[in-house]
Amino acid sequence: MAYTRHNGIFDKIAWFYNPMSTLFRDSSKYYSEIRSAVGPRKLDVVLDAGGGTGLIAQHFLSDAGRVVVLDPSEKMLERVVSDRIEKVRGCVQQMGFSDNTFDLIYCVDSFHHFTNGYSEAEHDKATDLSIRELLRTLKKDGVLVIMEFNAGKFGGKMIELLENKLFGMGSRFYHDSEFKTLFNKYSVNVAISSLDGSAFLARITKKEDAET
């Protein structure tokens, strides 16, 4: 599978990502939030887009037939925690999966990284390509869940400052209301809910008349 640009920072931090991540966040909590957004439906194929080391993906092994982690960082994928998770090196702008493949696609704190490696002038194009691919590979009755920092809240502003000013990652952050407009030209339903005051969850489903 082809992959496009990324800035390589996650290759450098992969060796301590898992212990660092478990100190600051509970992956089972993210799983519960996603599962609640999806509902009790059966999941045959699940994609964690930008899933890194698969800390969240591992929780879906108990209720999904096939779990895939897509990530551009080879070093992060090497540290995926279970051999039962399918590891694919790639970026969302150029996924090689067939149309209508996944019952569930989720992006946890990864959507803002989809512009990494692109110039600021290319951010809108990179984001739109990402959305197109996510929707193309989502089944007609599938659910896309995106959990992101809210650029309008203090916590989101601090993360944006850290990533872009300190590390020069070129991440693109959004206010929750602004994020919803990214999907205006697509035939989808978008529901936004707040998470812990500094983040939001977007639940996206295709409308019945959607061609994508």
Protein backbone atom coordinates (compact mmCIF):
# COMPACT_ATOMS: atom_id res chain seq x y z
CA MET A 1 0.00 0.00 0.00
CA ALA A 2 1.26 3.46 -0.84
CA TYR A 3 1.65 6.07 1.84
CA THR A 4 2.08 9.79 1.59
CA ARG A 5 3.97 12.31 3.67
CA HIS A 6 4.35 12.48 7.42
CA ASN A 7 6.88 14.32 9.53
CA GLY A 8 8.56 11.33 11.19
CA ILE A 9 8.15 12.51 14.78
CA PHE A 10 6.22 9.40 15.79
CA ASP A 11 9.04 7.18 14.51
CA LYS A 12 11.29 8.97 16.99
CA ILE A 13 8.98 8.64 20.00
CA ALA A 14 7.66 5.15 19.28
CA TRP A 15 10.04 3.50 21.76
CA PHE A 16 8.40 5.18 24.74
CA TYR A 17 4.93 5.91 23.34
CA ASN A 18 3.10 3.00 24.99
CA PRO A 19 4.31 3.56 28.59
CA MET A 20 3.88 7.34 28.21
CA SER A 21 0.38 6.97 26.80
CA THR A 22 -0.82 4.60 29.51
CA LEU A 23 0.29 7.11 32.15
CA PHE A 24 -1.87 9.91 30.79
CA ARG A 25 -4.90 8.21 29.26
CA ASP A 26 -7.02 5.11 29.64
CA SER A 27 -7.46 3.39 26.27
CA SER A 28 -10.47 1.45 27.57
CA LYS A 29 -12.28 4.76 28.16
CA TYR A 30 -11.83 5.70 24.50
CA TYR A 31 -13.07 2.28 23.47
CA SER A 32 -16.18 2.73 25.61
CA GLU A 33 -16.87 6.18 24.12
CA ILE A 34 -16.56 4.81 20.58
CA ARG A 35 -18.65 1.72 21.31
CA SER A 36 -21.35 3.89 22.86
CA ALA A 37 -21.40 6.10 19.75
CA VAL A 38 -21.70 3.06 17.48
CA GLY A 39 -24.33 1.24 19.49
CA PRO A 40 -24.83 -2.52 19.94
CA ARG A 41 -24.48 -3.37 16.24
CA LYS A 42 -22.28 -6.25 15.11
CA LEU A 43 -18.85 -5.23 13.83
CA ASP A 44 -17.21 -7.40 11.19
CA VAL A 45 -14.36 -5.10 10.14
CA VAL A 46 -12.96 -2.15 12.13
CA LEU A 47 -10.33 0.40 11.11
CA ASP A 48 -8.31 2.53 13.51
CA ALA A 49 -7.10 5.34 11.22
CA GLY A 50 -3.87 6.78 12.58
CA GLY A 51 -3.96 4.17 15.32
CA GLY A 52 -0.26 4.08 16.13
CA THR A 53 0.54 1.18 18.44
CA GLY A 54 -3.01 -0.14 18.57
CA LEU A 55 -3.70 0.58 22.24
CA ILE A 56 -7.35 1.32 21.49
CA ALA A 57 -7.66 -1.23 18.68
CA GLN A 58 -6.83 -4.09 21.06
CA HIS A 59 -10.15 -3.55 22.85
CA PHE A 60 -12.08 -4.28 19.65
CA LEU A 61 -10.57 -7.76 19.33
CA SER A 62 -13.28 -9.10 21.62
CA ASP A 63 -16.22 -7.93 19.48
CA ALA A 64 -14.99 -7.51 15.89
CA GLY A 65 -14.03 -10.13 13.35
CA ARG A 66 -11.15 -8.14 11.84
CA VAL A 67 -9.30 -5.18 13.36
CA VAL A 68 -6.95 -3.04 11.24
CA VAL A 69 -4.58 -0.28 12.33
CA LEU A 70 -3.50 2.14 9.62
CA ASP A 71 -0.55 4.40 10.42
CA PRO A 72 2.31 6.03 8.46
CA SER A 73 4.88 5.33 11.19
CA GLU A 74 6.70 2.04 10.77
CA LYS A 75 8.17 2.26 14.26
CA MET A 76 4.77 2.76 15.87
CA LEU A 77 3.32 -0.21 13.99
CA GLU A 78 6.20 -2.38 15.18
CA ARG A 79 4.91 -1.82 18.71
CA VAL A 80 1.30 -2.82 18.07
CA VAL A 81 0.35 -4.81 21.14
CA SER A 82 -1.36 -7.84 19.56
CA ASP A 83 -0.51 -10.14 16.67
CA ARG A 84 -4.24 -10.40 15.98
CA ILE A 85 -4.34 -6.77 14.88
CA GLU A 86 -3.70 -6.28 11.17
CA LYS A 87 -1.00 -3.64 10.69
CA VAL A 88 -0.99 -1.51 7.53
CA ARG A 89 1.53 1.22 6.88
CA GLY A 90 -0.17 4.06 5.07
CA CYS A 91 -1.93 7.42 5.24
CA VAL A 92 -5.62 8.12 4.99
CA GLN A 93 -5.23 10.25 1.87
CA GLN A 94 -4.23 7.18 -0.12
CA MET A 95 -5.72 4.03 1.37
CA GLY A 96 -5.71 0.87 -0.68
CA PHE A 97 -8.83 -0.65 0.85
CA SER A 98 -11.87 -1.41 -1.29
CA ASP A 99 -15.02 0.70 -1.25
CA ASN A 100 -17.48 -0.06 1.56
CA THR A 101 -15.03 -2.16 3.59
CA PHE A 102 -15.46 -1.07 7.20
CA ASP A 103 -18.40 -1.24 9.61
CA LEU A 104 -16.56 1.20 11.85
CA ILE A 105 -13.74 3.65 11.26
CA TYR A 106 -12.48 5.69 14.16
CA CYS A 107 -9.82 8.37 14.55
CA VAL A 108 -8.77 9.19 18.11
CA ASP A 109 -6.57 12.29 18.40
CA SER A 110 -5.30 11.54 14.90
CA PHE A 111 -7.42 13.64 12.54
CA HIS A 112 -5.36 16.76 13.23
CA HIS A 113 -2.24 14.84 12.21
CA PHE A 114 -3.55 14.13 8.71
CA THR A 115 -1.96 17.42 7.56
CA ASN A 116 1.47 16.53 8.97
CA GLY A 117 4.10 16.68 6.25
CA TYR A 118 2.03 19.06 4.11
CA SER A 119 2.57 22.79 3.73
CA GLU A 120 -0.05 25.04 5.31
CA ALA A 121 -1.30 25.91 1.83
CA GLU A 122 -2.02 22.20 1.26
CA HIS A 123 -3.88 21.60 4.54
CA ASP A 124 -7.40 21.99 3.11
CA LYS A 125 -6.61 19.62 0.25
CA ALA A 126 -5.02 17.03 2.55
CA THR A 127 -8.00 17.18 4.91
CA ASP A 128 -10.53 16.83 2.10
CA LEU A 129 -8.65 13.86 0.62
CA SER A 130 -8.70 12.27 4.06
CA ILE A 131 -12.46 12.69 4.42
CA ARG A 132 -13.08 11.35 0.93
CA GLU A 133 -11.09 8.19 1.66
CA LEU A 134 -12.66 7.65 5.07
CA LEU A 135 -16.14 7.87 3.57
CA ARG A 136 -15.24 5.80 0.50
CA THR A 137 -14.06 2.86 2.60
CA LEU A 138 -16.91 3.11 5.12
CA LYS A 139 -19.84 0.77 4.52
CA LYS A 140 -23.14 2.38 3.55
CA ASP A 141 -24.53 1.62 7.00
CA GLY A 142 -21.19 2.10 8.75
CA VAL A 143 -20.19 4.63 11.40
CA LEU A 144 -17.23 7.01 11.36
CA VAL A 145 -16.22 8.26 14.81
CA ILE A 146 -13.71 11.09 15.19
CA MET A 147 -12.47 12.22 18.60
CA GLU A 148 -10.51 15.46 18.56
CA PHE A 149 -9.17 18.23 20.74
CA ASN A 150 -11.33 21.34 20.58
CA ALA A 151 -9.27 24.31 19.35
CA GLY A 152 -11.73 26.63 21.07
CA LYS A 153 -10.94 25.27 24.53
CA PHE A 154 -7.88 25.81 26.72
CA GLY A 155 -6.70 22.20 26.54
CA GLY A 156 -7.00 22.15 22.76
CA LYS A 157 -5.11 25.43 22.46
CA MET A 158 -2.27 24.07 24.58
CA ILE A 159 -1.98 20.91 22.46
CA GLU A 160 -1.97 23.02 19.29
CA LEU A 161 0.76 25.25 20.73
CA LEU A 162 2.84 22.24 21.74
CA GLU A 163 2.58 20.42 18.42
CA ASN A 164 2.91 23.34 16.03
CA LYS A 165 5.04 25.91 17.81
CA LEU A 166 7.35 23.61 19.74
CA PHE A 167 7.60 20.59 17.45
CA GLY A 168 6.63 22.15 14.10
CA MET A 169 4.33 19.26 13.24
CA GLY A 170 1.92 21.18 11.02
CA SER A 171 -1.21 19.78 12.71
CA ARG A 172 -4.62 21.26 11.91
CA PHE A 173 -7.04 21.75 14.80
CA TYR A 174 -10.69 22.78 14.68
CA HIS A 175 -13.42 24.22 16.87
CA ASP A 176 -16.26 21.72 17.20
CA SER A 177 -18.65 23.92 15.17
CA GLU A 178 -16.05 24.48 12.47
CA PHE A 179 -15.30 20.76 12.25
CA LYS A 180 -18.88 19.97 11.30
CA THR A 181 -18.66 22.23 8.23
CA LEU A 182 -15.87 20.05 6.77
CA PHE A 183 -18.56 17.53 5.85
CA ASN A 184 -21.08 19.98 4.36
CA LYS A 185 -20.52 18.88 0.77
CA TYR A 186 -20.95 15.20 1.56
CA SER A 187 -24.22 13.33 1.95
CA VAL A 188 -23.70 12.49 5.59
CA ASN A 189 -25.20 13.07 9.01
CA VAL A 190 -22.84 14.64 11.57
CA ALA A 191 -23.57 14.73 15.30
CA ILE A 192 -21.10 16.49 17.63
CA SER A 193 -20.92 15.92 21.39
CA SER A 194 -18.57 17.41 23.97
CA LEU A 195 -15.99 15.33 25.82
CA ASP A 196 -14.49 16.46 29.15
CA GLY A 197 -14.56 20.14 28.18
CA SER A 198 -11.45 20.11 25.97
CA ALA A 199 -12.38 17.64 23.24
CA PHE A 200 -15.34 16.55 21.14
CA LEU A 201 -16.68 13.44 19.47
CA ALA A 202 -18.13 13.49 15.95
CA ARG A 203 -20.40 10.64 14.85
CA ILE A 204 -20.73 10.53 11.06
CA THR A 205 -23.02 8.27 9.05
CA LYS A 206 -23.97 8.22 5.38
CA LYS A 207 -27.42 9.35 4.35
CA GLU A 208 -29.54 6.76 2.57
CA ASP A 209 -29.13 8.55 -0.77
CA ALA A 210 -25.33 8.81 -0.45
CA GLU A 211 -23.34 7.71 -3.48
CA THR A 212 -20.00 7.52 -1.65
